[in-house]
Amino acid sequence: MKKKSPAKPPAELSMAEIFGPGGALEKCHRGYEFRSSQLEMAEMVAEAFEKRQHAIVEAGTGTGKTLAYLIPAIRSGRRVVISTATKALQEQLFHKDVPFLQRHFAPQSNVALMKGRGNFLCRQKVRLMDGQPLLKGLDEMDWFTQIKQWEKVS
């Protein structure tokens, strides 16, 4: 049985109408379970957006933090940057949570995935890697030689 998206747009729903028992999330998310701590967090985050204030929230495992901050962020209509501590959470957000929210709450939203600076190669890293025993096999050594030559071009 396919669940339906909420009838009213998210901007017209209160946090209780979204997160509460029988709310929009329960109607469109199979297996959704009401959690009062999630609703409380979503209300705090929504209030911070409305008042243009900062919010610091600490919540335990199982609270449903992701939706509790993403839905208020969507409702705010503002550009938001979300920084994660792990690549696994980043991948979950980008490939699972955000597409769900785009389907049911924010079909017009635009999202971009940006990897941290540790995932990019800069000239300084090329110079530091030169001569280090970090490369495995002839293929990697060949690629590194090509990268060093390319780095000198620009």
N, C-alpha and C. Protein backbone atom coordinates (compact mmCIF):
# COMPACT_ATOMS: atom_id res chain seq x y z
N MET A 1 0.84 -1.18 0.00
CA MET A 1 0.00 0.00 0.00
C MET A 1 0.89 1.25 0.00
N LYS A 2 0.70 2.08 -0.99
CA LYS A 2 1.51 3.29 -1.12
C LYS A 2 0.92 4.40 -0.25
N LYS A 3 1.79 5.03 0.52
CA LYS A 3 1.34 6.12 1.38
C LYS A 3 1.26 7.41 0.58
N LYS A 4 0.35 8.29 0.93
CA LYS A 4 0.14 9.55 0.23
C LYS A 4 0.95 10.67 0.86
N SER A 5 1.25 11.66 0.03
CA SER A 5 1.89 12.87 0.52
C SER A 5 0.86 13.70 1.26
N PRO A 6 1.29 14.62 2.13
CA PRO A 6 0.35 15.44 2.86
C PRO A 6 -0.48 16.31 1.91
N ALA A 7 -1.76 16.57 2.28
CA ALA A 7 -2.65 17.38 1.45
C ALA A 7 -2.22 18.84 1.42
N LYS A 8 -1.89 19.39 2.57
CA LYS A 8 -1.46 20.80 2.64
C LYS A 8 0.05 20.88 2.42
N PRO A 9 0.52 21.97 1.81
CA PRO A 9 1.97 22.14 1.68
C PRO A 9 2.63 22.27 3.05
N PRO A 10 3.90 21.85 3.18
CA PRO A 10 4.58 21.90 4.47
C PRO A 10 4.55 23.27 5.13
N ALA A 11 4.59 24.33 4.35
CA ALA A 11 4.60 25.68 4.92
C ALA A 11 3.31 25.98 5.68
N GLU A 12 2.24 25.28 5.37
CA GLU A 12 0.96 25.53 6.02
C GLU A 12 0.71 24.58 7.20
N LEU A 13 1.59 23.64 7.41
CA LEU A 13 1.42 22.68 8.50
C LEU A 13 2.25 23.08 9.71
N SER A 14 1.70 22.86 10.88
CA SER A 14 2.49 23.08 12.09
C SER A 14 3.42 21.88 12.27
N MET A 15 4.39 22.01 13.13
CA MET A 15 5.28 20.89 13.39
C MET A 15 4.50 19.71 13.96
N ALA A 16 3.49 20.00 14.78
CA ALA A 16 2.66 18.92 15.33
C ALA A 16 1.89 18.21 14.23
N GLU A 17 1.44 18.96 13.22
CA GLU A 17 0.71 18.35 12.10
C GLU A 17 1.63 17.51 11.21
N ILE A 18 2.90 17.81 11.26
CA ILE A 18 3.86 17.03 10.47
C ILE A 18 4.36 15.82 11.27
N PHE A 19 4.83 16.07 12.50
CA PHE A 19 5.49 15.03 13.29
C PHE A 19 4.56 14.29 14.25
N GLY A 20 3.41 14.85 14.58
CA GLY A 20 2.53 14.27 15.58
C GLY A 20 1.85 12.99 15.13
N PRO A 21 1.18 12.32 16.07
CA PRO A 21 0.44 11.11 15.74
C PRO A 21 -0.61 11.41 14.66
N GLY A 22 -0.62 10.59 13.62
CA GLY A 22 -1.55 10.80 12.51
C GLY A 22 -1.14 11.95 11.59
N GLY A 23 0.04 12.48 11.79
CA GLY A 23 0.51 13.64 11.02
C GLY A 23 1.01 13.27 9.64
N ALA A 24 1.52 14.27 8.95
CA ALA A 24 1.96 14.12 7.56
C ALA A 24 3.04 13.05 7.40
N LEU A 25 3.98 12.99 8.32
CA LEU A 25 5.04 11.98 8.20
C LEU A 25 4.47 10.57 8.32
N GLU A 26 3.56 10.39 9.23
CA GLU A 26 2.95 9.07 9.40
C GLU A 26 2.19 8.65 8.14
N LYS A 27 1.63 9.64 7.45
CA LYS A 27 0.84 9.34 6.24
C LYS A 27 1.72 8.99 5.04
N CYS A 28 2.94 9.48 5.00
CA CYS A 28 3.76 9.24 3.81
C CYS A 28 5.03 8.43 4.06
N HIS A 29 5.31 8.09 5.31
CA HIS A 29 6.53 7.35 5.63
C HIS A 29 6.15 6.03 6.29
N ARG A 30 6.34 4.96 5.53
CA ARG A 30 6.01 3.64 6.06
C ARG A 30 6.84 3.35 7.30
N GLY A 31 6.20 2.96 8.35
CA GLY A 31 6.91 2.64 9.58
C GLY A 31 7.23 3.83 10.46
N TYR A 32 6.73 5.02 10.10
CA TYR A 32 7.01 6.19 10.94
C TYR A 32 6.40 6.00 12.32
N GLU A 33 7.15 6.38 13.32
CA GLU A 33 6.72 6.27 14.71
C GLU A 33 6.81 7.63 15.37
N PHE A 34 5.73 8.07 15.97
CA PHE A 34 5.76 9.36 16.67
C PHE A 34 6.74 9.29 17.83
N ARG A 35 7.57 10.35 17.95
CA ARG A 35 8.50 10.50 19.07
C ARG A 35 8.37 11.93 19.57
N SER A 36 7.98 12.08 20.80
CA SER A 36 7.78 13.43 21.34
C SER A 36 9.07 14.24 21.30
N SER A 37 10.22 13.59 21.51
CA SER A 37 11.50 14.31 21.48
C SER A 37 11.79 14.84 20.07
N GLN A 38 11.37 14.13 19.04
CA GLN A 38 11.57 14.59 17.67
C GLN A 38 10.70 15.82 17.40
N LEU A 39 9.46 15.76 17.83
CA LEU A 39 8.56 16.90 17.67
C LEU A 39 9.10 18.11 18.42
N GLU A 40 9.56 17.90 19.64
CA GLU A 40 10.12 19.00 20.43
C GLU A 40 11.33 19.63 19.73
N MET A 41 12.20 18.78 19.18
CA MET A 41 13.37 19.30 18.47
C MET A 41 12.95 20.07 17.22
N ALA A 42 12.02 19.53 16.46
CA ALA A 42 11.56 20.20 15.24
C ALA A 42 10.95 21.56 15.57
N GLU A 43 10.20 21.65 16.66
CA GLU A 43 9.61 22.92 17.06
C GLU A 43 10.69 23.93 17.45
N MET A 44 11.74 23.46 18.16
CA MET A 44 12.84 24.35 18.54
C MET A 44 13.57 24.87 17.31
N VAL A 45 13.84 23.98 16.35
CA VAL A 45 14.56 24.37 15.14
C VAL A 45 13.69 25.33 14.31
N ALA A 46 12.41 25.02 14.18
CA ALA A 46 11.50 25.89 13.42
C ALA A 46 11.44 27.28 14.04
N GLU A 47 11.38 27.34 15.36
CA GLU A 47 11.35 28.62 16.05
C GLU A 47 12.63 29.42 15.81
N ALA A 48 13.76 28.72 15.81
CA ALA A 48 15.03 29.39 15.55
C ALA A 48 15.05 29.97 14.13
N PHE A 49 14.54 29.23 13.17
CA PHE A 49 14.45 29.76 11.80
C PHE A 49 13.54 30.98 11.75
N GLU A 50 12.37 30.87 12.39
CA GLU A 50 11.40 31.98 12.36
C GLU A 50 11.98 33.24 12.99
N LYS A 51 12.71 33.08 14.09
CA LYS A 51 13.26 34.24 14.80
C LYS A 51 14.66 34.61 14.32
N ARG A 52 15.16 33.87 13.33
CA ARG A 52 16.51 34.09 12.81
C ARG A 52 17.55 34.04 13.93
N GLN A 53 17.44 32.99 14.73
CA GLN A 53 18.36 32.78 15.85
C GLN A 53 19.11 31.47 15.65
N HIS A 54 20.17 31.31 16.40
CA HIS A 54 20.89 30.05 16.41
C HIS A 54 20.18 29.09 17.34
N ALA A 55 20.37 27.80 17.08
CA ALA A 55 19.85 26.76 17.97
C ALA A 55 20.91 25.68 18.12
N ILE A 56 21.13 25.27 19.32
CA ILE A 56 22.04 24.16 19.58
C ILE A 56 21.19 23.08 20.25
N VAL A 57 21.16 21.92 19.62
CA VAL A 57 20.31 20.84 20.11
C VAL A 57 21.16 19.59 20.26
N GLU A 58 21.05 18.97 21.40
CA GLU A 58 21.68 17.67 21.61
C GLU A 58 20.57 16.66 21.78
N ALA A 59 20.63 15.60 21.00
CA ALA A 59 19.57 14.58 21.06
C ALA A 59 20.19 13.21 20.87
N GLY A 60 19.67 12.26 21.59
CA GLY A 60 20.21 10.91 21.56
C GLY A 60 19.84 10.13 20.31
N THR A 61 20.44 8.96 20.19
CA THR A 61 20.15 8.06 19.09
C THR A 61 18.67 7.69 19.13
N GLY A 62 18.06 7.66 17.95
CA GLY A 62 16.65 7.29 17.86
C GLY A 62 15.69 8.44 17.97
N THR A 63 16.20 9.65 18.11
CA THR A 63 15.33 10.82 18.23
C THR A 63 14.69 11.16 16.90
N GLY A 64 15.40 10.92 15.82
CA GLY A 64 14.92 11.33 14.51
C GLY A 64 15.40 12.73 14.17
N LYS A 65 16.66 12.97 14.51
CA LYS A 65 17.24 14.32 14.37
C LYS A 65 17.20 14.82 12.93
N THR A 66 17.51 13.94 11.98
CA THR A 66 17.62 14.38 10.59
C THR A 66 16.35 15.06 10.11
N LEU A 67 15.22 14.40 10.26
CA LEU A 67 13.96 15.00 9.82
C LEU A 67 13.59 16.19 10.69
N ALA A 68 13.98 16.15 11.96
CA ALA A 68 13.64 17.24 12.88
C ALA A 68 14.35 18.53 12.54
N TYR A 69 15.46 18.47 11.82
CA TYR A 69 16.08 19.73 11.37
C TYR A 69 15.86 19.98 9.89
N LEU A 70 15.73 18.92 9.08
CA LEU A 70 15.55 19.14 7.65
C LEU A 70 14.18 19.73 7.31
N ILE A 71 13.14 19.26 7.95
CA ILE A 71 11.80 19.77 7.63
C ILE A 71 11.67 21.25 8.00
N PRO A 72 12.08 21.68 9.18
CA PRO A 72 12.05 23.13 9.45
C PRO A 72 12.93 23.93 8.48
N ALA A 73 14.05 23.35 8.07
CA ALA A 73 14.92 24.04 7.10
C ALA A 73 14.19 24.22 5.78
N ILE A 74 13.51 23.21 5.32
CA ILE A 74 12.73 23.30 4.08
C ILE A 74 11.63 24.34 4.22
N ARG A 75 10.92 24.28 5.31
CA ARG A 75 9.82 25.23 5.53
C ARG A 75 10.30 26.66 5.60
N SER A 76 11.53 26.86 6.02
CA SER A 76 12.05 28.23 6.15
C SER A 76 12.20 28.90 4.79
N GLY A 77 12.38 28.10 3.75
CA GLY A 77 12.58 28.65 2.41
C GLY A 77 13.95 29.27 2.22
N ARG A 78 14.83 29.06 3.17
CA ARG A 78 16.16 29.67 3.10
C ARG A 78 17.20 28.65 2.64
N ARG A 79 18.30 29.16 2.17
CA ARG A 79 19.43 28.31 1.80
C ARG A 79 20.08 27.83 3.08
N VAL A 80 20.36 26.54 3.14
CA VAL A 80 20.90 25.94 4.36
C VAL A 80 22.11 25.08 4.00
N VAL A 81 23.13 25.14 4.83
CA VAL A 81 24.29 24.28 4.69
C VAL A 81 24.26 23.29 5.84
N ILE A 82 24.38 22.02 5.51
CA ILE A 82 24.39 20.98 6.54
C ILE A 82 25.74 20.30 6.48
N SER A 83 26.44 20.32 7.59
CA SER A 83 27.75 19.70 7.68
C SER A 83 27.63 18.46 8.55
N THR A 84 28.15 17.35 8.05
CA THR A 84 28.08 16.10 8.81
C THR A 84 29.46 15.70 9.31
N ALA A 85 29.49 14.91 10.35
CA ALA A 85 30.76 14.45 10.91
C ALA A 85 31.30 13.25 10.15
N THR A 86 30.41 12.52 9.47
CA THR A 86 30.85 11.32 8.76
C THR A 86 30.35 11.32 7.32
N LYS A 87 31.09 10.64 6.47
CA LYS A 87 30.67 10.48 5.08
C LYS A 87 29.42 9.60 5.02
N ALA A 88 29.31 8.64 5.94
CA ALA A 88 28.14 7.76 5.94
C ALA A 88 26.86 8.56 6.16
N LEU A 89 26.88 9.49 7.11
CA LEU A 89 25.69 10.32 7.34
C LEU A 89 25.45 11.23 6.15
N GLN A 90 26.50 11.76 5.56
CA GLN A 90 26.36 12.61 4.38
C GLN A 90 25.67 11.83 3.26
N GLU A 91 26.09 10.61 3.04
CA GLU A 91 25.50 9.77 2.00
C GLU A 91 24.04 9.45 2.32
N GLN A 92 23.73 9.17 3.59
CA GLN A 92 22.35 8.89 4.00
C GLN A 92 21.46 10.09 3.72
N LEU A 93 21.94 11.27 4.09
CA LEU A 93 21.16 12.49 3.86
C LEU A 93 20.90 12.70 2.38
N PHE A 94 21.96 12.61 1.58
CA PHE A 94 21.85 12.95 0.17
C PHE A 94 21.09 11.90 -0.64
N HIS A 95 21.26 10.63 -0.32
CA HIS A 95 20.68 9.57 -1.14
C HIS A 95 19.39 8.99 -0.58
N LYS A 96 19.07 9.25 0.68
CA LYS A 96 17.86 8.67 1.27
C LYS A 96 16.91 9.74 1.82
N ASP A 97 17.37 10.51 2.80
CA ASP A 97 16.49 11.44 3.50
C ASP A 97 16.03 12.60 2.62
N VAL A 98 16.94 13.24 1.93
CA VAL A 98 16.57 14.38 1.09
C VAL A 98 15.65 13.95 -0.06
N PRO A 99 15.93 12.85 -0.77
CA PRO A 99 14.98 12.44 -1.82
C PRO A 99 13.58 12.15 -1.27
N PHE A 100 13.49 11.56 -0.08
CA PHE A 100 12.18 11.34 0.54
C PHE A 100 11.47 12.67 0.76
N LEU A 101 12.19 13.64 1.32
CA LEU A 101 11.58 14.95 1.57
C LEU A 101 11.23 15.67 0.28
N GLN A 102 12.04 15.51 -0.75
CA GLN A 102 11.72 16.13 -2.04
C GLN A 102 10.44 15.51 -2.62
N ARG A 103 10.28 14.21 -2.48
CA ARG A 103 9.08 13.55 -2.99
C ARG A 103 7.82 14.01 -2.27
N HIS A 104 7.89 14.15 -0.96
CA HIS A 104 6.69 14.36 -0.16
C HIS A 104 6.49 15.78 0.37
N PHE A 105 7.56 16.55 0.51
CA PHE A 105 7.43 17.85 1.16
C PHE A 105 7.99 19.02 0.36
N ALA A 106 8.97 18.77 -0.52
CA ALA A 106 9.65 19.89 -1.17
C ALA A 106 10.06 19.53 -2.59
N PRO A 107 9.10 19.34 -3.48
CA PRO A 107 9.45 18.91 -4.84
C PRO A 107 10.31 19.93 -5.61
N GLN A 108 10.27 21.18 -5.23
CA GLN A 108 11.04 22.21 -5.94
C GLN A 108 12.42 22.48 -5.33
N SER A 109 12.77 21.75 -4.28
CA SER A 109 14.04 22.05 -3.61
C SER A 109 15.24 21.60 -4.44
N ASN A 110 16.30 22.38 -4.35
CA ASN A 110 17.56 22.05 -5.02
C ASN A 110 18.58 21.69 -3.96
N VAL A 111 19.33 20.63 -4.22
CA VAL A 111 20.30 20.14 -3.25
C VAL A 111 21.61 19.87 -3.97
N ALA A 112 22.71 20.18 -3.31
CA ALA A 112 24.04 19.88 -3.85
C ALA A 112 24.84 19.16 -2.77
N LEU A 113 25.63 18.22 -3.20
CA LEU A 113 26.50 17.47 -2.30
C LEU A 113 27.92 17.98 -2.49
N MET A 114 28.53 18.38 -1.40
CA MET A 114 29.91 18.85 -1.46
C MET A 114 30.74 18.02 -0.49
N LYS A 115 31.83 17.52 -0.96
CA LYS A 115 32.72 16.73 -0.12
C LYS A 115 33.69 17.67 0.60
N GLY A 116 34.16 17.25 1.73
CA GLY A 116 35.10 18.05 2.51
C GLY A 116 36.43 18.22 1.83
N ARG A 117 37.19 19.16 2.29
CA ARG A 117 38.47 19.47 1.65
C ARG A 117 39.46 18.31 1.72
N GLY A 118 39.28 17.41 2.66
CA GLY A 118 40.14 16.24 2.74
C GLY A 118 39.98 15.29 1.57
N ASN A 119 38.94 15.50 0.76
CA ASN A 119 38.68 14.64 -0.39
C ASN A 119 39.24 15.20 -1.69
N PHE A 120 39.95 16.29 -1.62
CA PHE A 120 40.47 16.91 -2.83
C PHE A 120 41.99 16.94 -2.78
N LEU A 121 42.55 16.96 -3.96
CA LEU A 121 44.00 17.02 -4.06
C LEU A 121 44.41 18.44 -4.44
N CYS A 122 45.29 19.02 -3.66
CA CYS A 122 45.80 20.36 -3.96
C CYS A 122 47.30 20.24 -4.24
N ARG A 123 47.86 21.32 -4.71
CA ARG A 123 49.30 21.32 -5.04
C ARG A 123 50.16 20.96 -3.83
N GLN A 124 49.79 21.48 -2.68
CA GLN A 124 50.59 21.18 -1.49
C GLN A 124 50.58 19.68 -1.20
N LYS A 125 49.43 19.03 -1.34
CA LYS A 125 49.37 17.58 -1.10
C LYS A 125 50.20 16.82 -2.12
N VAL A 126 50.18 17.27 -3.37
CA VAL A 126 50.99 16.61 -4.40
C VAL A 126 52.46 16.68 -4.01
N ARG A 127 52.89 17.85 -3.59
CA ARG A 127 54.30 18.02 -3.20
C ARG A 127 54.65 17.19 -1.96
N LEU A 128 53.73 17.12 -1.00
CA LEU A 128 53.98 16.33 0.21
C LEU A 128 54.01 14.83 -0.09
N MET A 129 53.21 14.39 -1.05
CA MET A 129 53.15 12.97 -1.39
C MET A 129 54.37 12.51 -2.18
N ASP A 130 55.00 13.44 -2.87
CA ASP A 130 56.14 13.08 -3.72
C ASP A 130 57.22 12.42 -2.88
N GLY A 131 57.59 11.23 -3.25
CA GLY A 131 58.65 10.50 -2.56
C GLY A 131 58.19 9.74 -1.33
N GLN A 132 56.92 9.82 -0.99
CA GLN A 132 56.40 9.11 0.18
C GLN A 132 55.93 7.71 -0.23
N PRO A 133 56.05 6.74 0.67
CA PRO A 133 55.63 5.37 0.34
C PRO A 133 54.11 5.17 0.50
N LEU A 134 53.33 6.06 -0.11
CA LEU A 134 51.88 5.98 0.03
C LEU A 134 51.21 5.25 -1.13
N LEU A 135 51.92 5.11 -2.22
CA LEU A 135 51.33 4.57 -3.43
C LEU A 135 51.48 3.06 -3.47
N LYS A 136 50.43 2.39 -3.97
CA LYS A 136 50.44 0.93 -4.03
C LYS A 136 50.44 0.51 -5.50
N GLY A 137 51.43 -0.16 -5.92
CA GLY A 137 51.45 -0.71 -7.27
C GLY A 137 51.88 0.27 -8.34
N LEU A 138 52.18 -0.28 -9.49
CA LEU A 138 52.67 0.51 -10.62
C LEU A 138 51.60 1.44 -11.18
N ASP A 139 50.34 1.01 -11.16
CA ASP A 139 49.26 1.86 -11.68
C ASP A 139 49.18 3.17 -10.91
N GLU A 140 49.18 3.09 -9.58
CA GLU A 140 49.10 4.31 -8.77
C GLU A 140 50.33 5.19 -8.98
N MET A 141 51.48 4.57 -9.13
CA MET A 141 52.70 5.35 -9.36
C MET A 141 52.62 6.07 -10.71
N ASP A 142 52.09 5.40 -11.72
CA ASP A 142 51.91 6.01 -13.03
C ASP A 142 50.92 7.16 -12.95
N TRP A 143 49.80 6.95 -12.27
CA TRP A 143 48.79 8.02 -12.12
C TRP A 143 49.40 9.22 -11.41
N PHE A 144 50.16 8.96 -10.36
CA PHE A 144 50.76 10.06 -9.61
C PHE A 144 51.74 10.84 -10.47
N THR A 145 52.50 10.13 -11.30
CA THR A 145 53.43 10.82 -12.21
C THR A 145 52.65 11.73 -13.15
N GLN A 146 51.52 11.24 -13.67
CA GLN A 146 50.69 12.05 -14.56
C GLN A 146 50.12 13.27 -13.82
N ILE A 147 49.70 13.07 -12.58
CA ILE A 147 49.15 14.18 -11.78
C ILE A 147 50.22 15.23 -11.54
N LYS A 148 51.45 14.80 -11.21
CA LYS A 148 52.55 15.75 -10.99
C LYS A 148 52.83 16.56 -12.25
N GLN A 149 52.79 15.92 -13.40
CA GLN A 149 53.03 16.64 -14.65
C GLN A 149 51.89 17.62 -14.93
N TRP A 150 50.67 17.19 -14.69
CA TRP A 150 49.50 18.06 -14.93
C TRP A 150 49.53 19.25 -13.98
N GLU A 151 49.94 19.02 -12.72
CA GLU A 151 49.98 20.09 -11.71
C GLU A 151 50.91 21.21 -12.15
N LYS A 152 51.97 20.90 -12.86
CA LYS A 152 52.95 21.90 -13.30
C LYS A 152 52.42 22.75 -14.46
N VAL A 153 51.38 22.29 -15.14
CA VAL A 153 50.86 22.98 -16.34
C VAL A 153 50.20 24.31 -15.98
N SER A 154 49.42 24.35 -14.92
CA SER A 154 48.68 25.59 -14.64
C SER A 154 49.23 26.38 -13.49
